[in-house]
Amino acid sequence: MPRSVNHVASRARRKNVMELAKGYYGRRKNVWTVAKNAVEKGLVYAYIGRKQKKRNFRSLWIQRINAGAREHGMSYSQFMGLVNKSDLALNRKVLADLAMNHPEAFKAVVAAVKK
């Protein structure tokens, strides 16, 4: 009995990969083996990047809170220690937004925490 090969499925798989490789430079966009490797590596980077994004934003928020707290004579660690002791339910994302875009509201938060 002759061997049966599902060309429809394999072609569809190749088509999907080549679609993802659009815009790549050189042979990475039109040669199957090179494109497949490039797309696989790109998907790995995308997966890793989704994890790194969370870390990067947290560190950005910490820097912004630190800058805002130092304007009011406190370090970041002192400020966050007081925030955690008080009953304030504000996370770092909100505190960073207040420190950057609404300094008067951040000043009120600092005053409430200092009590």
PDB file of N, CA and C in Angstrom:
ATOM      1  N   MET A   1       0.844  -1.187   0.000  1.00  0.00           N
ATOM      2  CA  MET A   1       0.000   0.000   0.000  1.00  0.00           C
ATOM      3  C   MET A   1       0.884   1.243   0.000  1.00  0.00           C
ATOM      4  N   PRO A   2       0.567   2.205  -0.832  1.00  0.00           N
ATOM      5  CA  PRO A   2       1.401   3.408  -0.882  1.00  0.00           C
ATOM      6  C   PRO A   2       1.279   4.246   0.393  1.00  0.00           C
ATOM      7  N   ARG A   3       2.351   4.976   0.651  1.00  0.00           N
ATOM      8  CA  ARG A   3       2.385   5.829   1.844  1.00  0.00           C
ATOM      9  C   ARG A   3       1.486   7.035   1.629  1.00  0.00           C
ATOM     10  N   SER A   4       0.708   7.353   2.655  1.00  0.00           N
ATOM     11  CA  SER A   4      -0.205   8.489   2.561  1.00  0.00           C
ATOM     12  C   SER A   4       0.405   9.689   3.292  1.00  0.00           C
ATOM     13  N   VAL A   5       0.468  10.814   2.621  1.00  0.00           N
ATOM     14  CA  VAL A   5       1.044  12.023   3.204  1.00  0.00           C
ATOM     15  C   VAL A   5      -0.011  13.114   3.149  1.00  0.00           C
ATOM     16  N   ASN A   6      -0.203  13.767   4.256  1.00  0.00           N
ATOM     17  CA  ASN A   6      -1.227  14.809   4.325  1.00  0.00           C
ATOM     18  C   ASN A   6      -0.602  16.140   3.889  1.00  0.00           C
ATOM     19  N   HIS A   7      -0.596  16.367   2.590  1.00  0.00           N
ATOM     20  CA  HIS A   7       0.004  17.596   2.073  1.00  0.00           C
ATOM     21  C   HIS A   7      -0.779  18.838   2.457  1.00  0.00           C
ATOM     22  N   VAL A   8      -2.063  18.686   2.648  1.00  0.00           N
ATOM     23  CA  VAL A   8      -2.888  19.845   2.995  1.00  0.00           C
ATOM     24  C   VAL A   8      -2.458  20.408   4.345  1.00  0.00           C
ATOM     25  N   ALA A   9      -2.307  19.532   5.326  1.00  0.00           N
ATOM     26  CA  ALA A   9      -1.942  19.983   6.668  1.00  0.00           C
ATOM     27  C   ALA A   9      -0.523  20.526   6.711  1.00  0.00           C
ATOM     28  N   SER A  10       0.421  19.834   6.049  1.00  0.00           N
ATOM     29  CA  SER A  10       1.800  20.300   6.096  1.00  0.00           C
ATOM     30  C   SER A  10       1.947  21.627   5.368  1.00  0.00           C
ATOM     31  N   ARG A  11       1.232  21.786   4.270  1.00  0.00           N
ATOM     32  CA  ARG A  11       1.271  23.059   3.540  1.00  0.00           C
ATOM     33  C   ARG A  11       0.673  24.184   4.383  1.00  0.00           C
ATOM     34  N   ALA A  12      -0.404  23.882   5.087  1.00  0.00           N
ATOM     35  CA  ALA A  12      -1.034  24.893   5.951  1.00  0.00           C
ATOM     36  C   ALA A  12      -0.084  25.311   7.062  1.00  0.00           C
ATOM     37  N   ARG A  13       0.635  24.316   7.622  1.00  0.00           N
ATOM     38  CA  ARG A  13       1.606  24.630   8.674  1.00  0.00           C
ATOM     39  C   ARG A  13       2.695  25.541   8.140  1.00  0.00           C
ATOM     40  N   ARG A  14       3.209  25.201   6.957  1.00  0.00           N
ATOM     41  CA  ARG A  14       4.247  26.012   6.336  1.00  0.00           C
ATOM     42  C   ARG A  14       3.734  27.414   6.035  1.00  0.00           C
ATOM     43  N   LYS A  15       2.510  27.487   5.566  1.00  0.00           N
ATOM     44  CA  LYS A  15       1.916  28.780   5.222  1.00  0.00           C
ATOM     45  C   LYS A  15       1.810  29.672   6.467  1.00  0.00           C
ATOM     46  N   ASN A  16       1.414  29.077   7.593  1.00  0.00           N
ATOM     47  CA  ASN A  16       1.298  29.847   8.840  1.00  0.00           C
ATOM     48  C   ASN A  16       2.652  30.398   9.274  1.00  0.00           C
ATOM     49  N   VAL A  17       3.677  29.572   9.186  1.00  0.00           N
ATOM     50  CA  VAL A  17       5.018  30.008   9.591  1.00  0.00           C
ATOM     51  C   VAL A  17       5.512  31.109   8.662  1.00  0.00           C
ATOM     52  N   MET A  18       5.311  30.932   7.352  1.00  0.00           N
ATOM     53  CA  MET A  18       5.772  31.940   6.395  1.00  0.00           C
ATOM     54  C   MET A  18       5.013  33.256   6.579  1.00  0.00           C
ATOM     55  N   GLU A  19       3.762  33.145   7.001  1.00  0.00           N
ATOM     56  CA  GLU A  19       2.971  34.348   7.293  1.00  0.00           C
ATOM     57  C   GLU A  19       3.581  35.099   8.478  1.00  0.00           C
ATOM     58  N   LEU A  20       4.006  34.352   9.497  1.00  0.00           N
ATOM     59  CA  LEU A  20       4.632  34.976  10.664  1.00  0.00           C
ATOM     60  C   LEU A  20       6.000  35.572  10.329  1.00  0.00           C
ATOM     61  N   ALA A  21       6.653  35.051   9.291  1.00  0.00           N
ATOM     62  CA  ALA A  21       7.995  35.513   8.915  1.00  0.00           C
ATOM     63  C   ALA A  21       7.947  36.739   8.010  1.00  0.00           C
ATOM     64  N   LYS A  22       6.775  37.197   7.644  1.00  0.00           N
ATOM     65  CA  LYS A  22       6.671  38.382   6.780  1.00  0.00           C
ATOM     66  C   LYS A  22       7.354  39.565   7.445  1.00  0.00           C
ATOM     67  N   GLY A  23       8.139  40.297   6.673  1.00  0.00           N
ATOM     68  CA  GLY A  23       8.814  41.469   7.211  1.00  0.00           C
ATOM     69  C   GLY A  23      10.211  41.179   7.720  1.00  0.00           C
ATOM     70  N   TYR A  24      10.590  39.914   7.803  1.00  0.00           N
ATOM     71  CA  TYR A  24      11.944  39.578   8.215  1.00  0.00           C
ATOM     72  C   TYR A  24      12.913  39.920   7.089  1.00  0.00           C
ATOM     73  N   TYR A  25      14.197  40.030   7.431  1.00  0.00           N
ATOM     74  CA  TYR A  25      15.218  40.454   6.476  1.00  0.00           C
ATOM     75  C   TYR A  25      15.868  39.252   5.807  1.00  0.00           C
ATOM     76  N   GLY A  26      16.124  39.364   4.514  1.00  0.00           N
ATOM     77  CA  GLY A  26      16.884  38.355   3.782  1.00  0.00           C
ATOM     78  C   GLY A  26      16.127  37.053   3.607  1.00  0.00           C
ATOM     79  N   ARG A  27      16.858  35.939   3.733  1.00  0.00           N
ATOM     80  CA  ARG A  27      16.255  34.629   3.503  1.00  0.00           C
ATOM     81  C   ARG A  27      15.308  34.222   4.618  1.00  0.00           C
ATOM     82  N   ARG A  28      15.340  34.939   5.721  1.00  0.00           N
ATOM     83  CA  ARG A  28      14.469  34.590   6.840  1.00  0.00           C
ATOM     84  C   ARG A  28      12.996  34.740   6.469  1.00  0.00           C
ATOM     85  N   LYS A  29      12.706  35.500   5.428  1.00  0.00           N
ATOM     86  CA  LYS A  29      11.303  35.733   5.076  1.00  0.00           C
ATOM     87  C   LYS A  29      10.769  34.792   4.011  1.00  0.00           C
ATOM     88  N   ASN A  30      11.653  34.105   3.246  1.00  0.00           N
ATOM     89  CA  ASN A  30      11.116  33.315   2.142  1.00  0.00           C
ATOM     90  C   ASN A  30      11.710  31.920   1.983  1.00  0.00           C
ATOM     91  N   VAL A  31      12.687  31.539   2.805  1.00  0.00           N
ATOM     92  CA  VAL A  31      13.238  30.192   2.742  1.00  0.00           C
ATOM     93  C   VAL A  31      12.712  29.423   3.951  1.00  0.00           C
ATOM     94  N   TRP A  32      12.077  28.278   3.684  1.00  0.00           N
ATOM     95  CA  TRP A  32      11.327  27.571   4.717  1.00  0.00           C
ATOM     96  C   TRP A  32      12.151  27.258   5.966  1.00  0.00           C
ATOM     97  N   THR A  33      13.315  26.628   5.819  1.00  0.00           N
ATOM     98  CA  THR A  33      14.065  26.209   7.002  1.00  0.00           C
ATOM     99  C   THR A  33      14.578  27.403   7.797  1.00  0.00           C
ATOM    100  N   VAL A  34      15.031  28.420   7.100  1.00  0.00           N
ATOM    101  CA  VAL A  34      15.544  29.617   7.784  1.00  0.00           C
ATOM    102  C   VAL A  34      14.390  30.352   8.460  1.00  0.00           C
ATOM    103  N   ALA A  35      13.275  30.469   7.757  1.00  0.00           N
ATOM    104  CA  ALA A  35      12.111  31.171   8.305  1.00  0.00           C
ATOM    105  C   ALA A  35      11.565  30.433   9.522  1.00  0.00           C
ATOM    106  N   LYS A  36      11.523  29.116   9.454  1.00  0.00           N
ATOM    107  CA  LYS A  36      11.000  28.324  10.574  1.00  0.00           C
ATOM    108  C   LYS A  36      11.826  28.564  11.829  1.00  0.00           C
ATOM    109  N   ASN A  37      13.158  28.546  11.684  1.00  0.00           N
ATOM    110  CA  ASN A  37      14.037  28.790  12.829  1.00  0.00           C
ATOM    111  C   ASN A  37      13.866  30.202  13.367  1.00  0.00           C
ATOM    112  N   ALA A  38      13.760  31.171  12.462  1.00  0.00           N
ATOM    113  CA  ALA A  38      13.624  32.566  12.882  1.00  0.00           C
ATOM    114  C   ALA A  38      12.305  32.795  13.608  1.00  0.00           C
ATOM    115  N   VAL A  39      11.231  32.196  13.102  1.00  0.00           N
ATOM    116  CA  VAL A  39       9.920  32.361  13.732  1.00  0.00           C
ATOM    117  C   VAL A  39       9.896  31.687  15.093  1.00  0.00           C
ATOM    118  N   GLU A  40      10.471  30.489  15.201  1.00  0.00           N
ATOM    119  CA  GLU A  40      10.515  29.798  16.492  1.00  0.00           C
ATOM    120  C   GLU A  40      11.274  30.628  17.522  1.00  0.00           C
ATOM    121  N   LYS A  41      12.409  31.180  17.106  1.00  0.00           N
ATOM    122  CA  LYS A  41      13.199  32.008  18.019  1.00  0.00           C
ATOM    123  C   LYS A  41      12.432  33.275  18.397  1.00  0.00           C
ATOM    124  N   GLY A  42      11.737  33.848  17.412  1.00  0.00           N
ATOM    125  CA  GLY A  42      10.949  35.039  17.692  1.00  0.00           C
ATOM    126  C   GLY A  42       9.826  34.777  18.675  1.00  0.00           C
ATOM    127  N   LEU A  43       9.195  33.607  18.560  1.00  0.00           N
ATOM    128  CA  LEU A  43       8.127  33.262  19.496  1.00  0.00           C
ATOM    129  C   LEU A  43       8.668  33.027  20.903  1.00  0.00           C
ATOM    130  N   VAL A  44       9.892  32.495  20.993  1.00  0.00           N
ATOM    131  CA  VAL A  44      10.529  32.334  22.303  1.00  0.00           C
ATOM    132  C   VAL A  44      10.780  33.704  22.924  1.00  0.00           C
ATOM    133  N   TYR A  45      11.314  34.632  22.118  1.00  0.00           N
ATOM    134  CA  TYR A  45      11.559  35.991  22.619  1.00  0.00           C
ATOM    135  C   TYR A  45      10.256  36.662  23.043  1.00  0.00           C
ATOM    136  N   ALA A  46       9.187  36.428  22.296  1.00  0.00           N
ATOM    137  CA  ALA A  46       7.901  37.027  22.639  1.00  0.00           C
ATOM    138  C   ALA A  46       7.404  36.502  23.981  1.00  0.00           C
ATOM    139  N   TYR A  47       7.570  35.206  24.208  1.00  0.00           N
ATOM    140  CA  TYR A  47       7.137  34.600  25.464  1.00  0.00           C
ATOM    141  C   TYR A  47       7.942  35.173  26.631  1.00  0.00           C
ATOM    142  N   ILE A  48       9.261  35.233  26.456  1.00  0.00           N
ATOM    143  CA  ILE A  48      10.129  35.777  27.504  1.00  0.00           C
ATOM    144  C   ILE A  48       9.807  37.246  27.752  1.00  0.00           C
ATOM    145  N   GLY A  49       9.548  37.984  26.658  1.00  0.00           N
ATOM    146  CA  GLY A  49       9.259  39.412  26.775  1.00  0.00           C
ATOM    147  C   GLY A  49       7.997  39.707  27.558  1.00  0.00           C
ATOM    148  N   ARG A  50       7.012  38.815  27.459  1.00  0.00           N
ATOM    149  CA  ARG A  50       5.780  39.027  28.224  1.00  0.00           C
ATOM    150  C   ARG A  50       6.043  38.925  29.720  1.00  0.00           C
ATOM    151  N   LYS A  51       7.007  38.111  30.104  1.00  0.00           N
ATOM    152  CA  LYS A  51       7.377  38.013  31.521  1.00  0.00           C
ATOM    153  C   LYS A  51       8.218  39.222  31.946  1.00  0.00           C
ATOM    154  N   GLN A  52       9.146  39.627  31.073  1.00  0.00           N
ATOM    155  CA  GLN A  52      10.031  40.749  31.400  1.00  0.00           C
ATOM    156  C   GLN A  52       9.262  42.062  31.501  1.00  0.00           C
ATOM    157  N   LYS A  53       8.196  42.185  30.729  1.00  0.00           N
ATOM    158  CA  LYS A  53       7.395  43.407  30.722  1.00  0.00           C
ATOM    159  C   LYS A  53       6.872  43.725  32.123  1.00  0.00           C
ATOM    160  N   LYS A  54       6.440  42.700  32.828  1.00  0.00           N
ATOM    161  CA  LYS A  54       5.913  42.887  34.183  1.00  0.00           C
ATOM    162  C   LYS A  54       7.011  43.383  35.121  1.00  0.00           C
ATOM    163  N   ARG A  55       8.216  42.801  34.987  1.00  0.00           N
ATOM    164  CA  ARG A  55       9.344  43.230  35.823  1.00  0.00           C
ATOM    165  C   ARG A  55       9.731  44.667  35.522  1.00  0.00           C
ATOM    166  N   ASN A  56       9.787  44.983  34.231  1.00  0.00           N
ATOM    167  CA  ASN A  56      10.219  46.324  33.821  1.00  0.00           C
ATOM    168  C   ASN A  56       9.260  47.386  34.317  1.00  0.00           C
ATOM    169  N   PHE A  57       7.958  47.113  34.224  1.00  0.00           N
ATOM    170  CA  PHE A  57       6.992  48.101  34.693  1.00  0.00           C
ATOM    171  C   PHE A  57       7.066  48.271  36.199  1.00  0.00           C
ATOM    172  N   ARG A  58       7.246  47.179  36.932  1.00  0.00           N
ATOM    173  CA  ARG A  58       7.354  47.296  38.386  1.00  0.00           C
ATOM    174  C   ARG A  58       8.551  48.154  38.773  1.00  0.00           C
ATOM    175  N   SER A  59       9.681  47.953  38.107  1.00  0.00           N
ATOM    176  CA  SER A  59      10.862  48.760  38.434  1.00  0.00           C
ATOM    177  C   SER A  59      10.653  50.219  38.044  1.00  0.00           C
ATOM    178  N   LEU A  60       9.931  50.461  36.953  1.00  0.00           N
ATOM    179  CA  LEU A  60       9.615  51.837  36.559  1.00  0.00           C
ATOM    180  C   LEU A  60       8.736  52.514  37.602  1.00  0.00           C
ATOM    181  N   TRP A  61       7.715  51.783  38.087  1.00  0.00           N
ATOM    182  CA  TRP A  61       6.838  52.340  39.118  1.00  0.00           C
ATOM    183  C   TRP A  61       7.629  52.654  40.378  1.00  0.00           C
ATOM    184  N   ILE A  62       8.557  51.772  40.745  1.00  0.00           N
ATOM    185  CA  ILE A  62       9.357  51.991  41.949  1.00  0.00           C
ATOM    186  C   ILE A  62      10.205  53.251  41.797  1.00  0.00           C
ATOM    187  N   GLN A  63      10.794  53.450  40.621  1.00  0.00           N
ATOM    188  CA  GLN A  63      11.603  54.651  40.382  1.00  0.00           C
ATOM    189  C   GLN A  63      10.758  55.911  40.494  1.00  0.00           C
ATOM    190  N   ARG A  64       9.555  55.872  39.949  1.00  0.00           N
ATOM    191  CA  ARG A  64       8.680  57.051  39.998  1.00  0.00           C
ATOM    192  C   ARG A  64       8.216  57.346  41.414  1.00  0.00           C
ATOM    193  N   ILE A  65       7.881  56.307  42.166  1.00  0.00           N
ATOM    194  CA  ILE A  65       7.470  56.505  43.557  1.00  0.00           C
ATOM    195  C   ILE A  65       8.642  57.043  44.365  1.00  0.00           C
ATOM    196  N   ASN A  66       9.831  56.524  44.118  1.00  0.00           N
ATOM    197  CA  ASN A  66      11.028  56.974  44.816  1.00  0.00           C
ATOM    198  C   ASN A  66      11.266  58.462  44.564  1.00  0.00           C
ATOM    199  N   ALA A  67      11.139  58.877  43.304  1.00  0.00           N
ATOM    200  CA  ALA A  67      11.345  60.289  42.970  1.00  0.00           C
ATOM    201  C   ALA A  67      10.304  61.166  43.668  1.00  0.00           C
ATOM    202  N   GLY A  68       9.053  60.711  43.668  1.00  0.00           N
ATOM    203  CA  GLY A  68       7.996  61.477  44.320  1.00  0.00           C
ATOM    204  C   GLY A  68       8.182  61.528  45.828  1.00  0.00           C
ATOM    205  N   ALA A  69       8.602  60.430  46.423  1.00  0.00           N
ATOM    206  CA  ALA A  69       8.787  60.388  47.873  1.00  0.00           C
ATOM    207  C   ALA A  69       9.950  61.265  48.295  1.00  0.00           C
ATOM    208  N   ARG A  70      11.018  61.294  47.510  1.00  0.00           N
ATOM    209  CA  ARG A  70      12.188  62.102  47.855  1.00  0.00           C
ATOM    210  C   ARG A  70      11.888  63.596  47.791  1.00  0.00           C
ATOM    211  N   GLU A  71      10.922  63.990  46.970  1.00  0.00           N
ATOM    212  CA  GLU A  71      10.512  65.395  46.946  1.00  0.00           C
ATOM    213  C   GLU A  71       9.893  65.805  48.281  1.00  0.00           C
ATOM    214  N   HIS A  72       9.396  64.808  49.017  1.00  0.00           N
ATOM    215  CA  HIS A  72       8.767  65.078  50.310  1.00  0.00           C
ATOM    216  C   HIS A  72       9.632  64.600  51.471  1.00  0.00           C
ATOM    217  N   GLY A  73      10.917  64.401  51.215  1.00  0.00           N
ATOM    218  CA  GLY A  73      11.871  64.113  52.269  1.00  0.00           C
ATOM    219  C   GLY A  73      11.879  62.680  52.776  1.00  0.00           C
ATOM    220  N   MET A  74      11.486  61.736  51.951  1.00  0.00           N
ATOM    221  CA  MET A  74      11.497  60.331  52.358  1.00  0.00           C
ATOM    222  C   MET A  74      12.158  59.498  51.271  1.00  0.00           C
ATOM    223  N   SER A  75      12.679  58.351  51.680  1.00  0.00           N
ATOM    224  CA  SER A  75      13.167  57.408  50.676  1.00  0.00           C
ATOM    225  C   SER A  75      12.012  56.495  50.269  1.00  0.00           C
ATOM    226  N   TYR A  76      12.236  55.731  49.226  1.00  0.00           N
ATOM    227  CA  TYR A  76      11.200  54.803  48.745  1.00  0.00           C
ATOM    228  C   TYR A  76      10.856  53.771  49.815  1.00  0.00           C
ATOM    229  N   SER A  77      11.898  53.219  50.452  1.00  0.00           N
ATOM    230  CA  SER A  77      11.648  52.152  51.430  1.00  0.00           C
ATOM    231  C   SER A  77      10.902  52.691  52.652  1.00  0.00           C
ATOM    232  N   GLN A  78      11.251  53.895  53.093  1.00  0.00           N
ATOM    233  CA  GLN A  78      10.534  54.500  54.217  1.00  0.00           C
ATOM    234  C   GLN A  78       9.073  54.719  53.854  1.00  0.00           C
ATOM    235  N   PHE A  79       8.855  55.266  52.665  1.00  0.00           N
ATOM    236  CA  PHE A  79       7.491  55.566  52.220  1.00  0.00           C
ATOM    237  C   PHE A  79       6.655  54.299  52.106  1.00  0.00           C
ATOM    238  N   MET A  80       7.199  53.270  51.452  1.00  0.00           N
ATOM    239  CA  MET A  80       6.431  52.032  51.267  1.00  0.00           C
ATOM    240  C   MET A  80       6.211  51.319  52.599  1.00  0.00           C
ATOM    241  N   GLY A  81       7.162  51.453  53.517  1.00  0.00           N
ATOM    242  CA  GLY A  81       6.958  50.879  54.842  1.00  0.00           C
ATOM    243  C   GLY A  81       5.778  51.517  55.546  1.00  0.00           C
ATOM    244  N   LEU A  82       5.682  52.848  55.434  1.00  0.00           N
ATOM    245  CA  LEU A  82       4.557  53.555  56.046  1.00  0.00           C
ATOM    246  C   LEU A  82       3.243  53.256  55.330  1.00  0.00           C
ATOM    247  N   VAL A  83       3.300  53.116  54.018  1.00  0.00           N
ATOM    248  CA  VAL A  83       2.091  52.788  53.252  1.00  0.00           C
ATOM    249  C   VAL A  83       1.560  51.426  53.682  1.00  0.00           C
ATOM    250  N   ASN A  84       2.461  50.463  53.849  1.00  0.00           N
ATOM    251  CA  ASN A  84       2.031  49.121  54.246  1.00  0.00           C
ATOM    252  C   ASN A  84       1.512  49.083  55.673  1.00  0.00           C
ATOM    253  N   LYS A  85       2.051  49.928  56.543  1.00  0.00           N
ATOM    254  CA  LYS A  85       1.562  49.981  57.926  1.00  0.00           C
ATOM    255  C   LYS A  85       0.189  50.626  57.991  1.00  0.00           C
ATOM    256  N   SER A  86      -0.036  51.650  57.159  1.00  0.00           N
ATOM    257  CA  SER A  86      -1.333  52.327  57.152  1.00  0.00           C
ATOM    258  C   SER A  86      -2.357  51.467  56.414  1.00  0.00           C
ATOM    259  N   ASP A  87      -3.600  51.907  56.418  1.00  0.00           N
ATOM    260  CA  ASP A  87      -4.665  51.135  55.776  1.00  0.00           C
ATOM    261  C   ASP A  87      -4.901  51.590  54.345  1.00  0.00           C
ATOM    262  N   LEU A  88      -3.863  52.116  53.692  1.00  0.00           N
ATOM    263  CA  LEU A  88      -3.995  52.562  52.310  1.00  0.00           C
ATOM    264  C   LEU A  88      -3.972  51.360  51.374  1.00  0.00           C
ATOM    265  N   ALA A  89      -4.964  51.278  50.503  1.00  0.00           N
ATOM    266  CA  ALA A  89      -5.049  50.147  49.571  1.00  0.00           C
ATOM    267  C   ALA A  89      -4.647  50.608  48.179  1.00  0.00           C
ATOM    268  N   LEU A  90      -3.467  51.232  48.072  1.00  0.00           N
ATOM    269  CA  LEU A  90      -2.973  51.702  46.777  1.00  0.00           C
ATOM    270  C   LEU A  90      -1.760  50.863  46.385  1.00  0.00           C
ATOM    271  N   ASN A  91      -1.775  50.333  45.180  1.00  0.00           N
ATOM    272  CA  ASN A  91      -0.638  49.549  44.720  1.00  0.00           C
ATOM    273  C   ASN A  91       0.405  50.466  44.075  1.00  0.00           C
ATOM    274  N   ARG A  92       1.527  49.888  43.678  1.00  0.00           N
ATOM    275  CA  ARG A  92       2.633  50.677  43.132  1.00  0.00           C
ATOM    276  C   ARG A  92       2.257  51.363  41.825  1.00  0.00           C
ATOM    277  N   LYS A  93       1.423  50.712  41.027  1.00  0.00           N
ATOM    278  CA  LYS A  93       1.017  51.296  39.751  1.00  0.00           C
ATOM    279  C   LYS A  93       0.253  52.601  39.983  1.00  0.00           C
ATOM    280  N   VAL A  94      -0.676  52.589  40.919  1.00  0.00           N
ATOM    281  CA  VAL A  94      -1.480  53.778  41.212  1.00  0.00           C
ATOM    282  C   VAL A  94      -0.618  54.852  41.862  1.00  0.00           C
ATOM    283  N   LEU A  95       0.239  54.452  42.804  1.00  0.00           N
ATOM    284  CA  LEU A  95       1.108  55.422  43.474  1.00  0.00           C
ATOM    285  C   LEU A  95       2.050  56.092  42.483  1.00  0.00           C
ATOM    286  N   ALA A  96       2.583  55.320  41.525  1.00  0.00           N
ATOM    287  CA  ALA A  96       3.477  55.885  40.514  1.00  0.00           C
ATOM    288  C   ALA A  96       2.731  56.869  39.631  1.00  0.00           C
ATOM    289  N   ASP A  97       1.494  56.543  39.278  1.00  0.00           N
ATOM    290  CA  ASP A  97       0.686  57.447  38.453  1.00  0.00           C
ATOM    291  C   ASP A  97       0.406  58.742  39.202  1.00  0.00           C
ATOM    292  N   LEU A  98       0.087  58.626  40.494  1.00  0.00           N
ATOM    293  CA  LEU A  98      -0.150  59.828  41.303  1.00  0.00           C
ATOM    294  C   LEU A  98       1.119  60.667  41.404  1.00  0.00           C
ATOM    295  N   ALA A  99       2.250  60.018  41.640  1.00  0.00           N
ATOM    296  CA  ALA A  99       3.512  60.741  41.795  1.00  0.00           C
ATOM    297  C   ALA A  99       3.887  61.490  40.529  1.00  0.00           C
ATOM    298  N   MET A 100       3.586  60.906  39.385  1.00  0.00           N
ATOM    299  CA  MET A 100       4.004  61.516  38.132  1.00  0.00           C
ATOM    300  C   MET A 100       2.994  62.531  37.605  1.00  0.00           C
ATOM    301  N   ASN A 101       1.713  62.173  37.606  1.00  0.00           N
ATOM    302  CA  ASN A 101       0.707  62.989  36.930  1.00  0.00           C
ATOM    303  C   ASN A 101      -0.131  63.865  37.862  1.00  0.00           C
ATOM    304  N   HIS A 102      -0.186  63.495  39.145  1.00  0.00           N
ATOM    305  CA  HIS A 102      -1.000  64.263  40.094  1.00  0.00           C
ATOM    306  C   HIS A 102      -0.203  64.505  41.371  1.00  0.00           C
ATOM    307  N   PRO A 103       0.792  65.411  41.312  1.00  0.00           N
ATOM    308  CA  PRO A 103       1.670  65.598  42.477  1.00  0.00           C
ATOM    309  C   PRO A 103       0.940  66.065  43.737  1.00  0.00           C
ATOM    310  N   GLU A 104      -0.140  66.858  43.563  1.00  0.00           N
ATOM    311  CA  GLU A 104      -0.874  67.319  44.744  1.00  0.00           C
ATOM    312  C   GLU A 104      -1.582  66.156  45.439  1.00  0.00           C
ATOM    313  N   ALA A 105      -2.101  65.211  44.672  1.00  0.00           N
ATOM    314  CA  ALA A 105      -2.729  64.030  45.264  1.00  0.00           C
ATOM    315  C   ALA A 105      -1.679  63.150  45.938  1.00  0.00           C
ATOM    316  N   PHE A 106      -0.504  63.045  45.339  1.00  0.00           N
ATOM    317  CA  PHE A 106       0.574  62.257  45.947  1.00  0.00           C
ATOM    318  C   PHE A 106       1.026  62.911  47.250  1.00  0.00           C
ATOM    319  N   LYS A 107       1.052  64.233  47.261  1.00  0.00           N
ATOM    320  CA  LYS A 107       1.419  64.960  48.487  1.00  0.00           C
ATOM    321  C   LYS A 107       0.423  64.654  49.599  1.00  0.00           C
ATOM    322  N   ALA A 108      -0.868  64.561  49.236  1.00  0.00           N
ATOM    323  CA  ALA A 108      -1.889  64.212  50.229  1.00  0.00           C
ATOM    324  C   ALA A 108      -1.700  62.789  50.728  1.00  0.00           C
ATOM    325  N   VAL A 109      -1.305  61.885  49.865  1.00  0.00           N
ATOM    326  CA  VAL A 109      -1.029  60.496  50.263  1.00  0.00           C
ATOM    327  C   VAL A 109       0.138  60.467  51.244  1.00  0.00           C
ATOM    328  N   VAL A 110       1.199  61.220  50.936  1.00  0.00           N
ATOM    329  CA  VAL A 110       2.365  61.274  51.823  1.00  0.00           C
ATOM    330  C   VAL A 110       1.968  61.835  53.182  1.00  0.00           C
ATOM    331  N   ALA A 111       1.136  62.878  53.158  1.00  0.00           N
ATOM    332  CA  ALA A 111       0.700  63.470  54.428  1.00  0.00           C
ATOM    333  C   ALA A 111      -0.144  62.481  55.232  1.00  0.00           C
ATOM    334  N   ALA A 112      -1.002  61.750  54.556  1.00  0.00           N
ATOM    335  CA  ALA A 112      -1.849  60.779  55.249  1.00  0.00           C
ATOM    336  C   ALA A 112      -1.014  59.636  55.834  1.00  0.00           C
ATOM    337  N   VAL A 113       0.033  59.263  55.140  1.00  0.00           N
ATOM    338  CA  VAL A 113       0.883  58.160  55.589  1.00  0.00           C
ATOM    339  C   VAL A 113       1.753  58.592  56.758  1.00  0.00           C
ATOM    340  N   LYS A 114       2.199  59.847  56.765  1.00  0.00           N
ATOM    341  CA  LYS A 114       3.112  60.341  57.813  1.00  0.00           C
ATOM    342  C   LYS A 114       2.438  60.422  59.176  1.00  0.00           C
ATOM    343  N   LYS A 115       1.113  60.503  59.208  1.00  0.00           N
ATOM    344  CA  LYS A 115       0.404  60.658  60.491  1.00  0.00           C
ATOM    345  C   LYS A 115       0.640  59.505  61.416  1.00  0.00           C
TER     346      LYS A 115
END
